[in-house]
Amino acid sequence: MDPFFKEWVLYGDSAHEEFWKAWKKANPTKVPMIEEARKLVLDLDKSKFEMKPRELFDVWSAIQADIKPTAVQKPVVQQRKVWPLALAIASFSLILLTWIWFDSPKEIEYQTAFGETKEITLPDSSKVILNSNSKLTFVDNWEGQTAREIWIEGEAFFSVVHKKDHQPFKVLSSQNVAIEVLGTEFNVYNRSQETEVVLTSGMVTLSFPVKDKEGKILMNPGDLVEFKESKFQRKKVNTSLYTSWKDKVLNLDETSLGEIITMAKNNYGIEIEFEDEEMLMQTASGSMPLGDAANFMDQVSKIFNIEIVNEQNKYLIK
């Protein structure tokens, strides 16, 4: 029943493995006891039975179909008894369906428009800042669930609360990358067949839809992991370059004009054309405040010393 032991068995990461490996080495006579305890935890977890609302409704339908009227000799007496029974069944059905409706988890969705950011408080009091042109989906009740699960399309910054029962927090991208944490802060970018995770504090575990044994890794603060075209890579970065957007500021560190144009298209939904591709290789360092699309492009023009012409929400870089 020890929470740390159960956490290792059910959601173990490299830190847990290292601790229990050392413990077993120091207590060789207790290894059989540990293995038996592991089996018990796994058996208890598998034995949890949760009936879905649809299954509950099907059971009730089967009960109704199985009810057969009893033949009686006095029709009048039968009529007086059947009506109360029918009323009771109808009332119970109504109560049951109402309970299913209110008690079953409901999907909640938040979506931001181009140029809009939104701060969201989740059911467990965790905070999310949703970037422009992004969507966040989750169910409104995590009680009794194996994990707190979130689906992200676009970009978001997460500040996750660690629960006393160690319930994991999972973020899933459209690339089937799963980010699992207990309590930490990180940024998720999920656009154009690419998922990028930047960890600012705590630890997270990433799982990738790949077949090799390295399909699951442990991230440390300052890590950036990118998953694209069924491959992933990790590197150390300055996390503020990837998370400053949540404070309405864009930090640049030899950031290319091409990267900034891609961000402008994703966040503001604007069309941008350029006369010479070589100019996209120019880089800049510093910071700039984030505003609307017109203000953003005006600042880009000044930073890179280029001419940008706006014609009906279409920008031409000269």
Protein backbone atom coordinates (compact mmCIF):
# COMPACT_ATOMS: atom_id res chain seq x y z
CA MET A 1 0.00 0.00 0.00
CA ASP A 2 3.05 2.31 0.08
CA PRO A 3 2.39 5.15 -2.44
CA PHE A 4 6.00 5.33 -3.67
CA PHE A 5 6.08 1.56 -4.23
CA LYS A 6 2.73 1.58 -6.08
CA GLU A 7 3.90 4.52 -8.18
CA TRP A 8 6.98 2.53 -9.21
CA VAL A 9 4.96 -0.56 -10.13
CA LEU A 10 2.24 1.28 -12.08
CA TYR A 11 3.99 4.35 -13.50
CA GLY A 12 7.69 3.70 -12.88
CA ASP A 13 10.37 5.87 -14.49
CA SER A 14 14.16 5.74 -14.42
CA ALA A 15 14.33 7.44 -10.99
CA HIS A 16 12.04 4.80 -9.44
CA GLU A 17 13.93 1.96 -11.16
CA GLU A 18 17.25 3.23 -9.82
CA PHE A 19 15.95 3.43 -6.24
CA TRP A 20 14.34 -0.03 -6.15
CA LYS A 21 17.24 -1.64 -7.99
CA ALA A 22 19.59 -0.35 -5.28
CA TRP A 23 17.13 -1.41 -2.54
CA LYS A 24 16.92 -4.97 -3.86
CA LYS A 25 20.71 -5.15 -4.13
CA ALA A 26 21.00 -4.05 -0.49
CA ASN A 27 18.25 -6.48 0.64
CA PRO A 28 18.66 -9.65 -1.46
CA THR A 29 16.66 -11.82 0.99
CA LYS A 30 13.59 -9.61 0.49
CA VAL A 31 13.55 -9.77 -3.33
CA PRO A 32 10.87 -12.56 -3.38
CA MET A 33 8.68 -10.40 -1.10
CA ILE A 34 9.10 -7.43 -3.45
CA GLU A 35 8.11 -9.52 -6.47
CA GLU A 36 5.03 -10.85 -4.66
CA ALA A 37 4.04 -7.30 -3.66
CA ARG A 38 4.48 -6.16 -7.28
CA LYS A 39 2.14 -8.91 -8.45
CA LEU A 40 -0.47 -7.94 -5.85
CA VAL A 41 -0.40 -4.27 -6.91
CA LEU A 42 -0.78 -5.22 -10.58
CA ASP A 43 -3.60 -7.68 -9.83
CA LEU A 44 -5.46 -5.09 -7.74
CA ASP A 45 -5.08 -2.47 -10.48
CA LYS A 46 -6.43 -4.87 -13.11
CA SER A 47 -9.38 -5.78 -10.91
CA LYS A 48 -10.75 -2.23 -10.90
CA PHE A 49 -14.13 -2.33 -12.56
CA GLU A 50 -15.61 0.81 -14.05
CA MET A 51 -18.90 0.53 -15.93
CA LYS A 52 -19.25 3.06 -18.69
CA PRO A 53 -22.57 4.94 -19.04
CA ARG A 54 -23.35 3.10 -22.31
CA GLU A 55 -22.74 -0.27 -20.63
CA LEU A 56 -24.97 0.70 -17.71
CA PHE A 57 -27.72 1.72 -20.10
CA ASP A 58 -27.42 -1.59 -22.01
CA VAL A 59 -27.76 -3.54 -18.73
CA TRP A 60 -30.91 -1.62 -17.83
CA SER A 61 -32.34 -2.24 -21.34
CA ALA A 62 -31.69 -5.96 -20.92
CA ILE A 63 -33.49 -5.94 -17.55
CA GLN A 64 -36.50 -4.22 -19.11
CA ALA A 65 -36.60 -6.72 -21.99
CA ASP A 66 -36.53 -9.59 -19.51
CA ILE A 67 -39.60 -8.39 -17.57
CA LYS A 68 -42.63 -10.60 -18.46
CA PRO A 69 -46.20 -9.67 -17.49
CA THR A 70 -47.89 -12.09 -15.04
CA ALA A 71 -51.29 -13.41 -16.11
CA VAL A 72 -54.15 -12.72 -13.62
CA GLN A 73 -57.82 -13.60 -13.63
CA LYS A 74 -59.21 -10.17 -12.75
CA PRO A 75 -58.38 -7.57 -15.41
CA VAL A 76 -59.50 -4.70 -13.17
CA VAL A 77 -57.19 -5.73 -10.33
CA GLN A 78 -54.33 -6.24 -12.87
CA GLN A 79 -54.85 -2.76 -14.28
CA ARG A 80 -54.59 -1.19 -10.85
CA LYS A 81 -51.35 -3.05 -10.11
CA VAL A 82 -49.63 -2.61 -13.50
CA TRP A 83 -49.95 1.16 -13.62
CA PRO A 84 -48.06 1.73 -10.36
CA LEU A 85 -45.42 -0.77 -11.54
CA ALA A 86 -45.09 0.95 -14.91
CA LEU A 87 -44.89 4.32 -13.21
CA ALA A 88 -42.18 3.03 -10.88
CA ILE A 89 -40.20 1.59 -13.79
CA ALA A 90 -40.56 4.82 -15.77
CA SER A 91 -39.48 6.88 -12.78
CA PHE A 92 -36.50 4.65 -12.17
CA SER A 93 -35.55 4.86 -15.85
CA LEU A 94 -35.73 8.64 -15.76
CA ILE A 95 -33.63 8.80 -12.59
CA LEU A 96 -31.10 6.36 -14.06
CA LEU A 97 -30.73 8.25 -17.32
CA THR A 98 -30.48 11.57 -15.48
CA TRP A 99 -27.78 10.11 -13.23
CA ILE A 100 -25.89 8.81 -16.25
CA TRP A 101 -26.09 12.21 -17.91
CA PHE A 102 -24.89 14.24 -14.94
CA ASP A 103 -22.41 11.73 -13.49
CA SER A 104 -20.63 10.71 -16.70
CA PRO A 105 -17.54 12.76 -17.64
CA LYS A 106 -18.18 15.35 -20.33
CA GLU A 107 -15.68 16.58 -22.88
CA ILE A 108 -14.54 20.17 -22.43
CA GLU A 109 -12.90 22.06 -25.28
CA TYR A 110 -11.09 25.40 -25.37
CA GLN A 111 -10.01 26.97 -28.64
CA THR A 112 -8.19 30.22 -29.39
CA ALA A 113 -8.49 32.37 -32.49
CA PHE A 114 -5.55 33.81 -34.46
CA GLY A 115 -3.71 36.34 -32.29
CA GLU A 116 -5.52 35.25 -29.09
CA THR A 117 -4.12 33.60 -25.95
CA LYS A 118 -6.19 32.19 -23.10
CA GLU A 119 -5.46 31.14 -19.50
CA ILE A 120 -7.34 28.03 -18.35
CA THR A 121 -7.74 26.48 -14.90
CA LEU A 122 -8.14 22.69 -15.08
CA PRO A 123 -10.30 20.54 -12.72
CA ASP A 124 -7.26 19.79 -10.50
CA SER A 125 -6.29 23.53 -10.32
CA SER A 126 -3.42 23.07 -12.78
CA LYS A 127 -2.96 26.08 -15.09
CA VAL A 128 -2.66 26.18 -18.87
CA ILE A 129 -1.88 29.15 -21.10
CA LEU A 130 -3.16 28.35 -24.58
CA ASN A 131 -1.36 30.07 -27.44
CA SER A 132 -2.95 31.46 -30.61
CA ASN A 133 -4.71 29.14 -33.07
CA SER A 134 -4.67 26.22 -30.61
CA LYS A 135 -7.13 23.74 -29.10
CA LEU A 136 -7.22 21.98 -25.71
CA THR A 137 -9.57 19.05 -24.91
CA PHE A 138 -10.18 17.13 -21.66
CA VAL A 139 -13.01 15.61 -19.59
CA ASP A 140 -14.52 17.62 -16.73
CA ASN A 141 -14.08 14.94 -14.04
CA TRP A 142 -10.78 13.15 -13.33
CA GLU A 143 -11.88 11.52 -10.07
CA GLY A 144 -11.49 7.75 -10.30
CA GLN A 145 -9.56 8.00 -13.58
CA THR A 146 -6.19 6.30 -14.00
CA ALA A 147 -4.67 9.57 -15.20
CA ARG A 148 -5.52 13.21 -15.89
CA GLU A 149 -5.50 13.35 -19.69
CA ILE A 150 -5.30 16.39 -21.99
CA TRP A 151 -5.25 16.57 -25.80
CA ILE A 152 -3.42 19.49 -27.43
CA GLU A 153 -3.38 20.88 -30.95
CA GLY A 154 -1.20 23.96 -31.40
CA GLU A 155 0.84 25.29 -28.49
CA ALA A 156 0.34 25.57 -24.72
CA PHE A 157 2.32 26.14 -21.52
CA PHE A 158 1.42 23.84 -18.60
CA SER A 159 1.89 24.39 -14.87
CA VAL A 160 0.82 21.07 -13.33
CA VAL A 161 -0.26 20.46 -9.73
CA HIS A 162 1.12 17.35 -8.01
CA LYS A 163 -1.77 15.45 -6.39
CA LYS A 164 -1.45 13.60 -3.07
CA ASP A 165 -2.53 10.32 -4.66
CA HIS A 166 0.22 10.72 -7.31
CA GLN A 167 -2.34 10.62 -10.15
CA PRO A 168 -0.31 11.07 -13.36
CA PHE A 169 -0.95 13.99 -15.70
CA LYS A 170 -0.76 13.13 -19.42
CA VAL A 171 -0.66 15.43 -22.44
CA LEU A 172 -1.23 13.76 -25.80
CA SER A 173 -0.42 15.25 -29.20
CA SER A 174 -1.81 14.47 -32.65
CA GLN A 175 1.51 12.73 -33.38
CA ASN A 176 0.72 10.19 -30.60
CA VAL A 177 3.47 11.61 -28.41
CA ALA A 178 2.49 11.19 -24.73
CA ILE A 179 3.92 13.52 -22.07
CA GLU A 180 3.49 12.17 -18.53
CA VAL A 181 4.21 14.17 -15.36
CA LEU A 182 3.33 14.34 -11.67
CA GLY A 183 3.98 18.05 -11.11
CA THR A 184 6.06 20.40 -13.27
CA GLU A 185 6.11 23.20 -15.89
CA PHE A 186 6.61 22.65 -19.59
CA ASN A 187 5.74 23.95 -23.06
CA VAL A 188 4.18 21.81 -25.81
CA TYR A 189 4.27 22.78 -29.51
CA ASN A 190 2.23 20.53 -31.81
CA ARG A 191 1.82 21.81 -35.38
CA SER A 192 2.53 20.67 -38.95
CA GLN A 193 3.29 17.01 -38.16
CA GLU A 194 5.78 18.05 -35.47
CA THR A 195 5.68 17.83 -31.67
CA GLU A 196 8.14 19.79 -29.55
CA VAL A 197 8.39 19.70 -25.74
CA VAL A 198 10.45 22.12 -23.63
CA LEU A 199 10.80 21.41 -19.89
CA THR A 200 11.33 24.38 -17.55
CA SER A 201 11.10 22.60 -14.16
CA GLY A 202 10.45 19.15 -12.69
CA MET A 203 10.65 15.96 -14.75
CA VAL A 204 8.49 14.50 -17.51
CA THR A 205 8.44 11.19 -19.31
CA LEU A 206 7.91 11.17 -23.08
CA SER A 207 6.57 8.17 -24.98
CA PHE A 208 6.86 8.03 -28.77
CA PRO A 209 5.07 5.82 -31.33
CA VAL A 210 8.28 4.08 -32.39
CA LYS A 211 9.26 0.42 -32.21
CA ASP A 212 12.80 0.66 -30.86
CA LYS A 213 13.59 0.37 -27.15
CA GLU A 214 14.32 4.11 -26.82
CA GLY A 215 10.69 4.99 -27.46
CA LYS A 216 10.40 6.33 -23.90
CA ILE A 217 12.76 8.89 -22.37
CA LEU A 218 13.02 10.99 -19.21
CA MET A 219 13.40 14.77 -19.69
CA ASN A 220 15.29 17.09 -17.34
CA PRO A 221 14.88 20.88 -16.94
CA GLY A 222 16.37 22.74 -19.91
CA ASP A 223 15.73 19.85 -22.32
CA LEU A 224 14.03 20.29 -25.68
CA VAL A 225 12.78 17.14 -27.40
CA GLU A 226 11.50 17.28 -30.96
CA PHE A 227 9.51 14.47 -32.62
CA LYS A 228 9.13 14.61 -36.40
CA GLU A 229 8.85 12.02 -39.18
CA SER A 230 8.93 9.13 -36.65
CA LYS A 231 12.25 10.32 -35.18
CA PHE A 232 13.08 12.28 -32.06
CA GLN A 233 16.09 14.28 -30.88
CA ARG A 234 17.02 15.95 -27.60
CA LYS A 235 19.11 19.05 -26.89
CA LYS A 236 19.74 21.64 -24.17
CA VAL A 237 18.18 25.06 -24.76
CA ASN A 238 17.44 28.41 -23.17
CA THR A 239 13.82 27.68 -22.21
CA SER A 240 12.81 31.37 -22.21
CA LEU A 241 13.18 31.41 -25.99
CA TYR A 242 10.31 28.89 -26.19
CA THR A 243 8.07 30.07 -23.35
CA SER A 244 8.31 33.88 -23.43
CA TRP A 245 5.19 34.07 -25.65
CA LYS A 246 3.02 33.40 -22.57
CA ASP A 247 4.22 36.77 -21.17
CA LYS A 248 3.39 38.55 -24.46
CA VAL A 249 7.10 38.77 -25.35
CA LEU A 250 9.12 37.03 -28.06
CA ASN A 251 12.75 36.36 -27.14
CA LEU A 252 15.18 35.96 -30.03
CA ASP A 253 18.62 34.33 -30.06
CA GLU A 254 20.01 34.25 -33.58
CA THR A 255 16.47 33.46 -34.67
CA SER A 256 16.06 33.38 -38.44
CA LEU A 257 13.54 35.43 -40.39
CA GLY A 258 12.20 32.13 -41.79
CA GLU A 259 11.39 30.87 -38.27
CA ILE A 260 9.63 34.13 -37.41
CA ILE A 261 7.55 33.99 -40.61
CA THR A 262 6.44 30.43 -39.76
CA MET A 263 5.41 31.57 -36.28
CA ALA A 264 3.49 34.55 -37.71
CA LYS A 265 1.57 32.30 -40.11
CA ASN A 266 0.65 29.84 -37.31
CA ASN A 267 -0.30 32.43 -34.69
CA TYR A 268 -1.92 35.14 -36.78
CA GLY A 269 -3.25 33.21 -39.78
CA ILE A 270 -1.73 35.69 -42.24
CA GLU A 271 -0.33 35.06 -45.71
CA ILE A 272 3.30 36.08 -46.23
CA GLU A 273 5.25 36.12 -49.49
CA PHE A 274 8.87 37.10 -50.14
CA GLU A 275 10.87 38.07 -53.20
CA ASP A 276 14.17 36.40 -52.25
CA GLU A 277 14.52 33.18 -50.25
CA GLU A 278 18.05 34.08 -49.16
CA MET A 279 16.71 36.85 -46.94
CA LEU A 280 15.02 34.17 -44.80
CA MET A 281 18.48 33.14 -43.53
CA GLN A 282 18.97 36.49 -41.76
CA THR A 283 19.02 36.18 -37.95
CA ALA A 284 18.36 38.51 -35.03
CA SER A 285 18.76 38.50 -31.23
CA GLY A 286 16.91 40.44 -28.57
CA SER A 287 13.25 40.66 -27.62
CA MET A 288 10.04 42.20 -28.95
CA PRO A 289 6.57 42.62 -27.45
CA LEU A 290 3.77 40.56 -28.97
CA GLY A 291 0.63 42.32 -30.18
CA ASP A 292 -1.65 42.00 -33.18
CA ALA A 293 -0.51 40.89 -36.64
CA ALA A 294 0.07 44.40 -38.01
CA ASN A 295 2.17 45.42 -35.01
CA PHE A 296 4.14 42.17 -35.14
CA MET A 297 5.02 42.55 -38.83
CA ASP A 298 5.94 46.20 -38.30
CA GLN A 299 8.47 45.21 -35.62
CA VAL A 300 9.88 42.44 -37.83
CA SER A 301 10.41 45.05 -40.54
CA LYS A 302 12.41 47.27 -38.17
CA ILE A 303 14.44 44.46 -36.57
CA PHE A 304 15.58 42.96 -39.90
CA ASN A 305 15.69 46.32 -41.73
CA ILE A 306 13.44 45.06 -44.52
CA GLU A 307 10.41 46.48 -46.32
CA ILE A 308 7.09 44.74 -45.67
CA VAL A 309 4.00 45.77 -47.64
CA ASN A 310 0.50 44.87 -46.40
CA GLU A 311 -2.26 44.36 -48.96
CA GLN A 312 -5.61 42.98 -47.65
CA ASN A 313 -4.13 40.75 -44.92
CA LYS A 314 -1.39 39.61 -47.30
CA TYR A 315 2.19 40.64 -46.56
CA LEU A 316 4.98 40.95 -49.12
CA ILE A 317 8.59 41.06 -47.88
CA LYS A 318 10.95 43.00 -50.17
